[in-house]
Amino acid sequence: MSRKHIASEALLKNIQVPQGDKTYEKILDAGLALFVEFGLRRTTMEDVATRAGIGRATAYRRFADKDQLIQVVILRECQQQLAMIESDLEKVDDGLERVLESFVLAVTRAHRHPLLKRLLTSEPETILPLLTQRLWQMMGFFRIYLAGLLQVEQDNGAIRQQPMEPMAELMLRLMQSMVLSPDGILNPADAASVRQVAEDYLRPLLAP
């Protein structure tokens, strides 16, 4: 598989967005806006329907409950962010540099994403279990996604021969630590700092 669209193809296995359903998209847009503005607890399906300009029954025809809406909103955000990262990586010619830059982009964008920032600030009891004790529920997809990207570069001779899934998990765990514990020398808000981490600690593990 080419580097392009790895994220989209993998995520579409987890999220089925009806093509051309503008109401469905309006509900997702409204949900995201309200989750960022008010958080998960204070947002109801009625609030989402009102923001989307539709009836409550119409919202419930698309989503069984708020939990399902939250899941799809988060998955869509992941899909969009990964697609943007892939687009940026198309501009990088060297395979090893693409891998290192993917780490930099993932860390810095996750750190500044408005929904994640909101939940870490106002509802840590909701989001932290998902990103710590229950991380395996999310880690599986991202490990497969990143391992696929690494495998493409390994097949092209850009990175050394080694099992890709353990390396992908190592990179994800490093990213998790930097995003969830931002205070320290390793600053996820500073691309130069994250890039130095990639240079000092990931390049020696990946270089042929």
N, C-alpha and C. Protein backbone atom coordinates (compact mmCIF):
# COMPACT_ATOMS: atom_id res chain seq x y z
N MET A 1 0.85 -1.19 0.00
CA MET A 1 0.00 0.00 0.00
C MET A 1 0.88 1.24 0.00
N SER A 2 0.53 2.24 -0.76
CA SER A 2 1.28 3.47 -0.79
C SER A 2 1.08 4.22 0.51
N ARG A 3 1.98 5.18 0.76
CA ARG A 3 1.84 5.98 1.96
C ARG A 3 0.53 6.76 1.93
N LYS A 4 0.16 7.22 0.77
CA LYS A 4 -1.04 8.04 0.65
C LYS A 4 -2.30 7.22 0.93
N HIS A 5 -3.17 7.80 1.75
CA HIS A 5 -4.47 7.20 2.09
C HIS A 5 -4.38 6.00 3.03
N ILE A 6 -3.20 5.73 3.62
CA ILE A 6 -3.16 4.65 4.63
C ILE A 6 -4.15 4.95 5.74
N ALA A 7 -4.12 6.20 6.23
CA ALA A 7 -4.99 6.57 7.34
C ALA A 7 -6.46 6.46 6.96
N SER A 8 -6.81 7.00 5.80
CA SER A 8 -8.22 6.99 5.40
C SER A 8 -8.75 5.58 5.24
N GLU A 9 -7.99 4.72 4.59
CA GLU A 9 -8.47 3.35 4.36
C GLU A 9 -8.59 2.59 5.66
N ALA A 10 -7.63 2.79 6.57
CA ALA A 10 -7.68 2.07 7.85
C ALA A 10 -8.82 2.57 8.71
N LEU A 11 -9.01 3.89 8.77
CA LEU A 11 -10.05 4.43 9.63
C LEU A 11 -11.44 4.11 9.11
N LEU A 12 -11.60 3.99 7.81
CA LEU A 12 -12.92 3.69 7.27
C LEU A 12 -13.40 2.31 7.68
N LYS A 13 -12.48 1.46 8.16
CA LYS A 13 -12.89 0.18 8.69
C LYS A 13 -13.57 0.35 10.04
N ASN A 14 -13.31 1.48 10.72
CA ASN A 14 -13.86 1.72 12.04
C ASN A 14 -15.02 2.71 12.04
N ILE A 15 -15.14 3.50 10.99
CA ILE A 15 -16.18 4.51 10.95
C ILE A 15 -16.81 4.51 9.58
N GLN A 16 -18.11 4.33 9.54
CA GLN A 16 -18.83 4.33 8.27
C GLN A 16 -19.67 5.60 8.20
N VAL A 17 -19.16 6.60 7.50
CA VAL A 17 -19.88 7.86 7.35
C VAL A 17 -20.71 7.80 6.08
N PRO A 18 -22.03 7.93 6.18
CA PRO A 18 -22.88 7.89 4.98
C PRO A 18 -22.44 8.95 3.97
N GLN A 19 -22.13 8.54 2.78
CA GLN A 19 -21.67 9.46 1.76
C GLN A 19 -22.81 10.37 1.31
N GLY A 20 -22.54 11.67 1.29
CA GLY A 20 -23.54 12.61 0.81
C GLY A 20 -24.63 12.94 1.80
N ASP A 21 -24.55 12.43 3.03
CA ASP A 21 -25.56 12.72 4.05
C ASP A 21 -25.16 14.00 4.78
N LYS A 22 -25.65 15.14 4.31
CA LYS A 22 -25.26 16.42 4.87
C LYS A 22 -25.76 16.59 6.31
N THR A 23 -26.88 15.98 6.61
CA THR A 23 -27.41 16.06 7.98
C THR A 23 -26.48 15.35 8.94
N TYR A 24 -25.97 14.19 8.54
CA TYR A 24 -25.03 13.43 9.36
C TYR A 24 -23.80 14.28 9.66
N GLU A 25 -23.28 14.95 8.62
CA GLU A 25 -22.10 15.79 8.79
C GLU A 25 -22.40 16.99 9.67
N LYS A 26 -23.61 17.57 9.53
CA LYS A 26 -23.99 18.70 10.37
C LYS A 26 -24.05 18.30 11.84
N ILE A 27 -24.51 17.09 12.10
CA ILE A 27 -24.56 16.61 13.49
C ILE A 27 -23.15 16.46 14.04
N LEU A 28 -22.25 15.89 13.24
CA LEU A 28 -20.86 15.74 13.69
C LEU A 28 -20.21 17.10 13.93
N ASP A 29 -20.44 18.05 13.03
CA ASP A 29 -19.86 19.39 13.19
C ASP A 29 -20.41 20.05 14.45
N ALA A 30 -21.71 19.92 14.67
CA ALA A 30 -22.32 20.52 15.86
C ALA A 30 -21.80 19.85 17.12
N GLY A 31 -21.68 18.52 17.10
CA GLY A 31 -21.16 17.81 18.26
C GLY A 31 -19.76 18.24 18.60
N LEU A 32 -18.90 18.33 17.61
CA LEU A 32 -17.52 18.75 17.86
C LEU A 32 -17.49 20.15 18.46
N ALA A 33 -18.23 21.08 17.86
CA ALA A 33 -18.23 22.46 18.35
C ALA A 33 -18.70 22.53 19.80
N LEU A 34 -19.75 21.80 20.15
CA LEU A 34 -20.28 21.83 21.51
C LEU A 34 -19.37 21.12 22.50
N PHE A 35 -18.74 20.02 22.07
CA PHE A 35 -17.82 19.32 22.97
C PHE A 35 -16.62 20.21 23.31
N VAL A 36 -16.15 20.98 22.33
CA VAL A 36 -15.03 21.90 22.58
C VAL A 36 -15.48 23.05 23.47
N GLU A 37 -16.69 23.55 23.22
CA GLU A 37 -17.17 24.72 23.95
C GLU A 37 -17.61 24.39 25.37
N PHE A 38 -18.31 23.28 25.55
CA PHE A 38 -18.92 22.98 26.84
C PHE A 38 -18.42 21.68 27.48
N GLY A 39 -17.72 20.85 26.74
CA GLY A 39 -17.30 19.55 27.26
C GLY A 39 -18.32 18.47 26.95
N LEU A 40 -17.99 17.25 27.31
CA LEU A 40 -18.86 16.12 27.01
C LEU A 40 -20.05 16.04 27.94
N ARG A 41 -19.80 16.21 29.24
CA ARG A 41 -20.87 16.03 30.23
C ARG A 41 -22.01 17.02 30.03
N ARG A 42 -21.66 18.26 29.74
CA ARG A 42 -22.68 19.32 29.70
C ARG A 42 -23.39 19.39 28.35
N THR A 43 -22.96 18.60 27.39
CA THR A 43 -23.59 18.60 26.07
C THR A 43 -24.59 17.46 25.98
N THR A 44 -25.81 17.76 25.55
CA THR A 44 -26.84 16.73 25.36
C THR A 44 -27.12 16.56 23.87
N MET A 45 -27.78 15.48 23.53
CA MET A 45 -28.16 15.27 22.14
C MET A 45 -29.13 16.36 21.68
N GLU A 46 -29.95 16.86 22.61
CA GLU A 46 -30.86 17.95 22.26
C GLU A 46 -30.06 19.21 21.89
N ASP A 47 -28.97 19.46 22.64
CA ASP A 47 -28.11 20.61 22.32
C ASP A 47 -27.52 20.46 20.92
N VAL A 48 -27.07 19.24 20.62
CA VAL A 48 -26.46 18.98 19.31
C VAL A 48 -27.48 19.19 18.20
N ALA A 49 -28.69 18.68 18.40
CA ALA A 49 -29.72 18.83 17.38
C ALA A 49 -30.05 20.31 17.15
N THR A 50 -30.14 21.07 18.24
CA THR A 50 -30.43 22.50 18.12
C THR A 50 -29.32 23.22 17.35
N ARG A 51 -28.06 22.93 17.72
CA ARG A 51 -26.93 23.57 17.04
C ARG A 51 -26.89 23.20 15.56
N ALA A 52 -27.27 21.97 15.24
CA ALA A 52 -27.26 21.50 13.86
C ALA A 52 -28.47 22.00 13.07
N GLY A 53 -29.45 22.55 13.78
CA GLY A 53 -30.65 23.05 13.10
C GLY A 53 -31.59 21.96 12.64
N ILE A 54 -31.65 20.87 13.41
CA ILE A 54 -32.52 19.75 13.06
C ILE A 54 -33.35 19.35 14.28
N GLY A 55 -34.28 18.46 14.08
CA GLY A 55 -35.08 17.97 15.18
C GLY A 55 -34.35 16.90 15.98
N ARG A 56 -34.77 16.75 17.24
CA ARG A 56 -34.17 15.74 18.12
C ARG A 56 -34.31 14.34 17.53
N ALA A 57 -35.48 14.04 16.98
CA ALA A 57 -35.70 12.70 16.42
C ALA A 57 -34.77 12.44 15.24
N THR A 58 -34.49 13.47 14.45
CA THR A 58 -33.59 13.31 13.31
C THR A 58 -32.18 12.96 13.78
N ALA A 59 -31.74 13.60 14.86
CA ALA A 59 -30.42 13.29 15.41
C ALA A 59 -30.35 11.85 15.89
N TYR A 60 -31.41 11.40 16.54
CA TYR A 60 -31.40 10.03 17.07
C TYR A 60 -31.55 8.99 15.97
N ARG A 61 -32.04 9.38 14.81
CA ARG A 61 -32.07 8.43 13.70
C ARG A 61 -30.66 8.16 13.16
N ARG A 62 -29.76 9.12 13.34
CA ARG A 62 -28.38 8.94 12.88
C ARG A 62 -27.50 8.33 13.96
N PHE A 63 -27.76 8.68 15.22
CA PHE A 63 -26.92 8.21 16.32
C PHE A 63 -27.81 7.69 17.44
N ALA A 64 -27.50 6.50 17.93
CA ALA A 64 -28.34 5.88 18.95
C ALA A 64 -28.30 6.67 20.26
N ASP A 65 -27.14 7.23 20.59
CA ASP A 65 -27.00 7.99 21.84
C ASP A 65 -25.76 8.88 21.75
N LYS A 66 -25.52 9.63 22.81
CA LYS A 66 -24.40 10.57 22.82
C LYS A 66 -23.06 9.85 22.77
N ASP A 67 -22.98 8.70 23.42
CA ASP A 67 -21.72 7.96 23.41
C ASP A 67 -21.31 7.58 21.99
N GLN A 68 -22.27 7.16 21.19
CA GLN A 68 -21.95 6.82 19.80
C GLN A 68 -21.51 8.06 19.03
N LEU A 69 -22.18 9.18 19.28
CA LEU A 69 -21.79 10.43 18.63
C LEU A 69 -20.37 10.83 19.02
N ILE A 70 -20.04 10.73 20.29
CA ILE A 70 -18.69 11.07 20.76
C ILE A 70 -17.66 10.22 20.05
N GLN A 71 -17.92 8.92 19.96
CA GLN A 71 -16.98 8.01 19.32
C GLN A 71 -16.75 8.40 17.86
N VAL A 72 -17.82 8.68 17.14
CA VAL A 72 -17.68 9.00 15.72
C VAL A 72 -17.00 10.36 15.53
N VAL A 73 -17.32 11.32 16.39
CA VAL A 73 -16.66 12.63 16.31
C VAL A 73 -15.15 12.46 16.48
N ILE A 74 -14.75 11.68 17.48
CA ILE A 74 -13.32 11.48 17.73
C ILE A 74 -12.66 10.74 16.57
N LEU A 75 -13.32 9.72 16.06
CA LEU A 75 -12.75 8.97 14.94
C LEU A 75 -12.63 9.84 13.70
N ARG A 76 -13.63 10.70 13.47
CA ARG A 76 -13.53 11.58 12.30
C ARG A 76 -12.39 12.56 12.46
N GLU A 77 -12.19 13.07 13.69
CA GLU A 77 -11.07 13.98 13.92
C GLU A 77 -9.74 13.27 13.68
N CYS A 78 -9.63 12.03 14.13
CA CYS A 78 -8.41 11.25 13.89
C CYS A 78 -8.18 11.08 12.39
N GLN A 79 -9.24 10.76 11.68
CA GLN A 79 -9.14 10.56 10.24
C GLN A 79 -8.65 11.83 9.56
N GLN A 80 -9.23 12.95 9.92
CA GLN A 80 -8.86 14.21 9.28
C GLN A 80 -7.43 14.62 9.62
N GLN A 81 -7.05 14.45 10.88
CA GLN A 81 -5.69 14.82 11.29
C GLN A 81 -4.64 13.94 10.61
N LEU A 82 -4.90 12.65 10.53
CA LEU A 82 -3.94 11.75 9.88
C LEU A 82 -3.86 12.02 8.39
N ALA A 83 -4.98 12.35 7.78
CA ALA A 83 -4.96 12.68 6.35
C ALA A 83 -4.14 13.94 6.10
N MET A 84 -4.24 14.91 6.99
CA MET A 84 -3.45 16.13 6.84
C MET A 84 -1.96 15.85 7.03
N ILE A 85 -1.65 14.98 7.99
CA ILE A 85 -0.25 14.61 8.20
C ILE A 85 0.30 13.92 6.96
N GLU A 86 -0.48 12.99 6.40
CA GLU A 86 -0.04 12.30 5.18
C GLU A 86 0.22 13.30 4.06
N SER A 87 -0.66 14.30 3.94
CA SER A 87 -0.49 15.30 2.90
C SER A 87 0.82 16.06 3.10
N ASP A 88 1.11 16.43 4.34
CA ASP A 88 2.36 17.13 4.63
C ASP A 88 3.58 16.25 4.35
N LEU A 89 3.46 14.97 4.63
CA LEU A 89 4.59 14.06 4.43
C LEU A 89 4.90 13.85 2.95
N GLU A 90 3.92 14.09 2.09
CA GLU A 90 4.17 13.96 0.66
C GLU A 90 5.24 14.93 0.18
N LYS A 91 5.47 16.00 0.93
CA LYS A 91 6.45 17.01 0.56
C LYS A 91 7.87 16.62 0.98
N VAL A 92 8.01 15.54 1.76
CA VAL A 92 9.32 15.11 2.27
C VAL A 92 9.80 13.95 1.41
N ASP A 93 10.96 14.11 0.79
CA ASP A 93 11.45 13.11 -0.17
C ASP A 93 12.10 11.90 0.49
N ASP A 94 12.85 12.13 1.56
CA ASP A 94 13.61 11.04 2.19
C ASP A 94 12.71 10.23 3.11
N GLY A 95 12.79 8.89 3.00
CA GLY A 95 11.90 8.02 3.76
C GLY A 95 12.09 8.11 5.26
N LEU A 96 13.34 8.10 5.72
CA LEU A 96 13.59 8.20 7.15
C LEU A 96 13.12 9.55 7.68
N GLU A 97 13.35 10.61 6.92
CA GLU A 97 12.90 11.93 7.34
C GLU A 97 11.38 11.97 7.42
N ARG A 98 10.69 11.26 6.54
CA ARG A 98 9.23 11.21 6.60
C ARG A 98 8.76 10.59 7.91
N VAL A 99 9.42 9.52 8.31
CA VAL A 99 9.02 8.85 9.55
C VAL A 99 9.24 9.77 10.74
N LEU A 100 10.39 10.41 10.79
CA LEU A 100 10.68 11.31 11.91
C LEU A 100 9.73 12.50 11.93
N GLU A 101 9.43 13.02 10.75
CA GLU A 101 8.52 14.17 10.68
C GLU A 101 7.09 13.75 11.05
N SER A 102 6.72 12.52 10.75
CA SER A 102 5.38 12.07 11.13
C SER A 102 5.23 12.10 12.64
N PHE A 103 6.29 11.74 13.36
CA PHE A 103 6.26 11.80 14.82
C PHE A 103 6.11 13.23 15.30
N VAL A 104 6.86 14.14 14.71
CA VAL A 104 6.81 15.55 15.10
C VAL A 104 5.40 16.11 14.87
N LEU A 105 4.85 15.85 13.70
CA LEU A 105 3.52 16.37 13.38
C LEU A 105 2.45 15.78 14.28
N ALA A 106 2.55 14.49 14.55
CA ALA A 106 1.54 13.84 15.39
C ALA A 106 1.56 14.40 16.81
N VAL A 107 2.74 14.56 17.38
CA VAL A 107 2.85 15.07 18.75
C VAL A 107 2.35 16.50 18.84
N THR A 108 2.83 17.37 17.97
CA THR A 108 2.47 18.79 18.07
C THR A 108 1.00 19.02 17.77
N ARG A 109 0.45 18.30 16.81
CA ARG A 109 -0.97 18.50 16.48
C ARG A 109 -1.89 17.93 17.54
N ALA A 110 -1.52 16.79 18.11
CA ALA A 110 -2.33 16.23 19.20
C ALA A 110 -2.31 17.18 20.40
N HIS A 111 -1.15 17.73 20.69
CA HIS A 111 -1.02 18.61 21.85
C HIS A 111 -1.91 19.84 21.72
N ARG A 112 -2.04 20.39 20.52
CA ARG A 112 -2.81 21.62 20.36
C ARG A 112 -4.23 21.40 19.84
N HIS A 113 -4.65 20.15 19.69
CA HIS A 113 -6.00 19.92 19.18
C HIS A 113 -7.02 20.46 20.19
N PRO A 114 -7.97 21.28 19.75
CA PRO A 114 -8.89 21.94 20.70
C PRO A 114 -9.74 20.98 21.52
N LEU A 115 -10.17 19.86 20.94
CA LEU A 115 -11.01 18.93 21.70
C LEU A 115 -10.19 18.24 22.78
N LEU A 116 -9.00 17.78 22.44
CA LEU A 116 -8.16 17.11 23.44
C LEU A 116 -7.76 18.08 24.54
N LYS A 117 -7.41 19.31 24.17
CA LYS A 117 -7.05 20.32 25.16
C LYS A 117 -8.22 20.59 26.10
N ARG A 118 -9.41 20.70 25.55
CA ARG A 118 -10.59 20.95 26.37
C ARG A 118 -10.82 19.82 27.37
N LEU A 119 -10.75 18.59 26.89
CA LEU A 119 -11.06 17.45 27.76
C LEU A 119 -9.98 17.23 28.82
N LEU A 120 -8.72 17.45 28.46
CA LEU A 120 -7.65 17.30 29.44
C LEU A 120 -7.76 18.37 30.53
N THR A 121 -8.29 19.53 30.16
CA THR A 121 -8.41 20.63 31.12
C THR A 121 -9.65 20.50 32.00
N SER A 122 -10.80 20.21 31.38
CA SER A 122 -12.05 20.26 32.13
C SER A 122 -12.62 18.90 32.51
N GLU A 123 -12.27 17.85 31.77
CA GLU A 123 -12.81 16.52 32.06
C GLU A 123 -11.72 15.46 32.02
N PRO A 124 -10.64 15.65 32.78
CA PRO A 124 -9.57 14.64 32.76
C PRO A 124 -10.04 13.27 33.21
N GLU A 125 -11.04 13.25 34.10
CA GLU A 125 -11.54 11.96 34.58
C GLU A 125 -12.24 11.18 33.47
N THR A 126 -12.66 11.87 32.42
CA THR A 126 -13.30 11.21 31.29
C THR A 126 -12.28 10.74 30.26
N ILE A 127 -11.35 11.62 29.91
CA ILE A 127 -10.44 11.32 28.81
C ILE A 127 -9.21 10.53 29.24
N LEU A 128 -8.70 10.76 30.46
CA LEU A 128 -7.46 10.10 30.86
C LEU A 128 -7.58 8.57 30.91
N PRO A 129 -8.70 8.02 31.42
CA PRO A 129 -8.80 6.55 31.37
C PRO A 129 -8.74 6.00 29.96
N LEU A 130 -9.28 6.74 28.99
CA LEU A 130 -9.24 6.29 27.60
C LEU A 130 -7.82 6.29 27.05
N LEU A 131 -7.00 7.22 27.54
CA LEU A 131 -5.65 7.39 27.02
C LEU A 131 -4.59 6.74 27.90
N THR A 132 -5.02 6.07 28.98
CA THR A 132 -4.06 5.39 29.87
C THR A 132 -4.49 3.93 30.08
N GLN A 133 -5.37 3.69 31.07
CA GLN A 133 -5.75 2.31 31.37
C GLN A 133 -6.42 1.60 30.20
N ARG A 134 -7.21 2.35 29.41
CA ARG A 134 -7.94 1.73 28.29
C ARG A 134 -7.30 2.07 26.94
N LEU A 135 -6.00 2.40 27.00
CA LEU A 135 -5.32 2.82 25.77
C LEU A 135 -5.33 1.75 24.70
N TRP A 136 -5.33 0.48 25.10
CA TRP A 136 -5.27 -0.59 24.10
C TRP A 136 -6.45 -0.57 23.15
N GLN A 137 -7.58 -0.01 23.61
CA GLN A 137 -8.74 0.08 22.73
C GLN A 137 -8.47 1.01 21.55
N MET A 138 -7.60 2.01 21.77
CA MET A 138 -7.24 2.94 20.70
C MET A 138 -5.90 2.58 20.07
N MET A 139 -5.00 2.01 20.89
CA MET A 139 -3.64 1.75 20.43
C MET A 139 -3.60 0.80 19.25
N GLY A 140 -4.52 -0.17 19.22
CA GLY A 140 -4.48 -1.18 18.16
C GLY A 140 -4.51 -0.56 16.78
N PHE A 141 -5.47 0.35 16.55
CA PHE A 141 -5.56 0.97 15.23
C PHE A 141 -4.32 1.78 14.91
N PHE A 142 -3.91 2.65 15.85
CA PHE A 142 -2.79 3.54 15.56
C PHE A 142 -1.48 2.77 15.40
N ARG A 143 -1.34 1.67 16.13
CA ARG A 143 -0.14 0.85 15.95
C ARG A 143 -0.10 0.24 14.55
N ILE A 144 -1.24 -0.26 14.10
CA ILE A 144 -1.31 -0.85 12.75
C ILE A 144 -1.08 0.22 11.69
N TYR A 145 -1.69 1.39 11.90
CA TYR A 145 -1.49 2.49 10.95
C TYR A 145 -0.02 2.88 10.84
N LEU A 146 0.63 3.12 11.99
CA LEU A 146 2.02 3.55 11.97
C LEU A 146 2.94 2.44 11.50
N ALA A 147 2.66 1.20 11.89
CA ALA A 147 3.47 0.09 11.42
C ALA A 147 3.39 -0.02 9.90
N GLY A 148 2.22 0.27 9.33
CA GLY A 148 2.08 0.24 7.87
C GLY A 148 2.94 1.29 7.21
N LEU A 149 2.95 2.49 7.78
CA LEU A 149 3.80 3.56 7.25
C LEU A 149 5.28 3.17 7.35
N LEU A 150 5.66 2.61 8.50
CA LEU A 150 7.05 2.18 8.69
C LEU A 150 7.42 1.07 7.71
N GLN A 151 6.48 0.15 7.48
CA GLN A 151 6.77 -0.98 6.60
C GLN A 151 7.05 -0.52 5.17
N VAL A 152 6.28 0.48 4.72
CA VAL A 152 6.52 1.03 3.38
C VAL A 152 7.94 1.56 3.28
N GLU A 153 8.38 2.31 4.28
CA GLU A 153 9.72 2.89 4.24
C GLU A 153 10.80 1.82 4.41
N GLN A 154 10.51 0.80 5.19
CA GLN A 154 11.46 -0.31 5.33
C GLN A 154 11.61 -1.05 4.00
N ASP A 155 10.51 -1.30 3.33
CA ASP A 155 10.55 -1.98 2.03
C ASP A 155 11.35 -1.18 1.01
N ASN A 156 11.35 0.14 1.17
CA ASN A 156 12.10 1.01 0.26
C ASN A 156 13.55 1.18 0.68
N GLY A 157 13.93 0.52 1.79
CA GLY A 157 15.32 0.60 2.25
C GLY A 157 15.66 1.84 3.03
N ALA A 158 14.64 2.62 3.42
CA ALA A 158 14.91 3.88 4.10
C ALA A 158 15.17 3.70 5.59
N ILE A 159 14.64 2.62 6.19
CA ILE A 159 14.88 2.36 7.60
C ILE A 159 15.32 0.91 7.77
N ARG A 160 15.93 0.62 8.90
CA ARG A 160 16.55 -0.68 9.09
C ARG A 160 15.53 -1.81 9.20
N GLN A 161 15.99 -3.01 8.93
CA GLN A 161 15.14 -4.19 9.03
C GLN A 161 14.92 -4.55 10.50
N GLN A 162 13.68 -4.54 10.92
CA GLN A 162 13.30 -4.90 12.29
C GLN A 162 11.78 -5.02 12.32
N PRO A 163 11.21 -5.70 13.31
CA PRO A 163 9.76 -5.79 13.41
C PRO A 163 9.15 -4.40 13.57
N MET A 164 8.15 -4.11 12.78
CA MET A 164 7.61 -2.76 12.74
C MET A 164 6.58 -2.46 13.83
N GLU A 165 5.79 -3.44 14.24
CA GLU A 165 4.76 -3.15 15.24
C GLU A 165 5.35 -2.75 16.58
N PRO A 166 6.39 -3.43 17.10
CA PRO A 166 6.99 -2.96 18.36
C PRO A 166 7.55 -1.54 18.23
N MET A 167 8.18 -1.22 17.11
CA MET A 167 8.69 0.13 16.92
C MET A 167 7.55 1.14 16.87
N ALA A 168 6.47 0.78 16.19
CA ALA A 168 5.31 1.67 16.13
C ALA A 168 4.76 1.92 17.52
N GLU A 169 4.67 0.86 18.33
CA GLU A 169 4.15 1.03 19.68
C GLU A 169 5.08 1.89 20.54
N LEU A 170 6.37 1.72 20.38
CA LEU A 170 7.33 2.54 21.11
C LEU A 170 7.13 4.02 20.78
N MET A 171 6.98 4.34 19.50
CA MET A 171 6.76 5.72 19.09
C MET A 171 5.45 6.26 19.65
N LEU A 172 4.40 5.43 19.65
CA LEU A 172 3.11 5.87 20.17
C LEU A 172 3.15 6.10 21.67
N ARG A 173 3.87 5.25 22.39
CA ARG A 173 3.97 5.43 23.84
C ARG A 173 4.77 6.69 24.18
N LEU A 174 5.78 6.98 23.39
CA LEU A 174 6.53 8.21 23.60
C LEU A 174 5.64 9.42 23.32
N MET A 175 4.87 9.33 22.26
CA MET A 175 3.93 10.41 21.94
C MET A 175 2.91 10.58 23.06
N GLN A 176 2.36 9.49 23.54
CA GLN A 176 1.38 9.54 24.63
C GLN A 176 1.95 10.25 25.84
N SER A 177 3.17 9.91 26.22
CA SER A 177 3.80 10.51 27.39
C SER A 177 4.00 12.01 27.21
N MET A 178 4.45 12.42 26.03
CA MET A 178 4.70 13.84 25.80
C MET A 178 3.42 14.65 25.79
N VAL A 179 2.35 14.08 25.21
CA VAL A 179 1.09 14.83 25.11
C VAL A 179 0.39 14.91 26.45
N LEU A 180 0.39 13.82 27.22
CA LEU A 180 -0.33 13.80 28.48
C LEU A 180 0.45 14.42 29.63
N SER A 181 1.78 14.51 29.49
CA SER A 181 2.62 15.13 30.53
C SER A 181 3.50 16.18 29.86
N PRO A 182 2.92 17.30 29.46
CA PRO A 182 3.63 18.27 28.64
C PRO A 182 4.71 19.07 29.36
N ASP A 183 4.65 19.15 30.68
CA ASP A 183 5.63 19.95 31.40
C ASP A 183 6.95 19.21 31.52
N GLY A 184 8.03 19.88 31.13
CA GLY A 184 9.35 19.26 31.21
C GLY A 184 10.25 19.77 30.10
N ILE A 185 11.42 19.17 30.00
CA ILE A 185 12.37 19.57 28.97
C ILE A 185 11.84 19.25 27.58
N LEU A 186 11.16 18.11 27.45
CA LEU A 186 10.61 17.69 26.16
C LEU A 186 9.24 18.36 26.00
N ASN A 187 9.18 19.39 25.20
CA ASN A 187 8.00 20.25 25.12
C ASN A 187 7.18 19.95 23.87
N PRO A 188 6.00 19.35 24.02
CA PRO A 188 5.18 19.01 22.84
C PRO A 188 4.60 20.24 22.13
N ALA A 189 4.66 21.39 22.77
CA ALA A 189 4.17 22.61 22.13
C ALA A 189 5.19 23.21 21.18
N ASP A 190 6.43 22.75 21.27
CA ASP A 190 7.52 23.32 20.48
C ASP A 190 8.00 22.29 19.46
N ALA A 191 7.73 22.55 18.18
CA ALA A 191 8.10 21.60 17.13
C ALA A 191 9.60 21.33 17.13
N ALA A 192 10.40 22.37 17.40
CA ALA A 192 11.85 22.19 17.42
C ALA A 192 12.28 21.22 18.52
N SER A 193 11.61 21.31 19.68
CA SER A 193 11.92 20.41 20.79
C SER A 193 11.55 18.97 20.45
N VAL A 194 10.38 18.78 19.84
CA VAL A 194 9.93 17.44 19.46
C VAL A 194 10.84 16.88 18.37
N ARG A 195 11.24 17.74 17.44
CA ARG A 195 12.12 17.30 16.36
C ARG A 195 13.48 16.85 16.92
N GLN A 196 13.94 17.52 17.97
CA GLN A 196 15.21 17.12 18.60
C GLN A 196 15.08 15.75 19.25
N VAL A 197 13.93 15.49 19.85
CA VAL A 197 13.67 14.16 20.42
C VAL A 197 13.76 13.10 19.32
N ALA A 198 13.12 13.39 18.20
CA ALA A 198 13.15 12.44 17.07
C ALA A 198 14.57 12.22 16.59
N GLU A 199 15.36 13.29 16.50
CA GLU A 199 16.74 13.18 16.04
C GLU A 199 17.59 12.37 17.01
N ASP A 200 17.46 12.66 18.30
CA ASP A 200 18.35 12.07 19.30
C ASP A 200 17.99 10.63 19.64
N TYR A 201 16.69 10.31 19.62
CA TYR A 201 16.28 9.01 20.16
C TYR A 201 15.63 8.08 19.14
N LEU A 202 14.96 8.63 18.13
CA LEU A 202 14.32 7.77 17.14
C LEU A 202 15.22 7.49 15.94
N ARG A 203 15.96 8.49 15.48
CA ARG A 203 16.83 8.27 14.33
C ARG A 203 17.81 7.11 14.56
N PRO A 204 18.49 7.04 15.74
CA PRO A 204 19.42 5.90 15.94
C PRO A 204 18.73 4.54 15.89
N LEU A 205 17.43 4.49 16.24
CA LEU A 205 16.71 3.23 16.23
C LEU A 205 16.20 2.85 14.83
N LEU A 206 16.11 3.83 13.95
CA LEU A 206 15.51 3.60 12.64
C LEU A 206 16.49 3.64 11.48
N ALA A 207 17.60 4.34 11.63
CA ALA A 207 18.53 4.50 10.51
C ALA A 207 19.08 3.16 10.07
N PRO A 208 19.20 2.92 8.75
CA PRO A 208 19.74 1.65 8.24
C PRO A 208 21.16 1.40 8.74
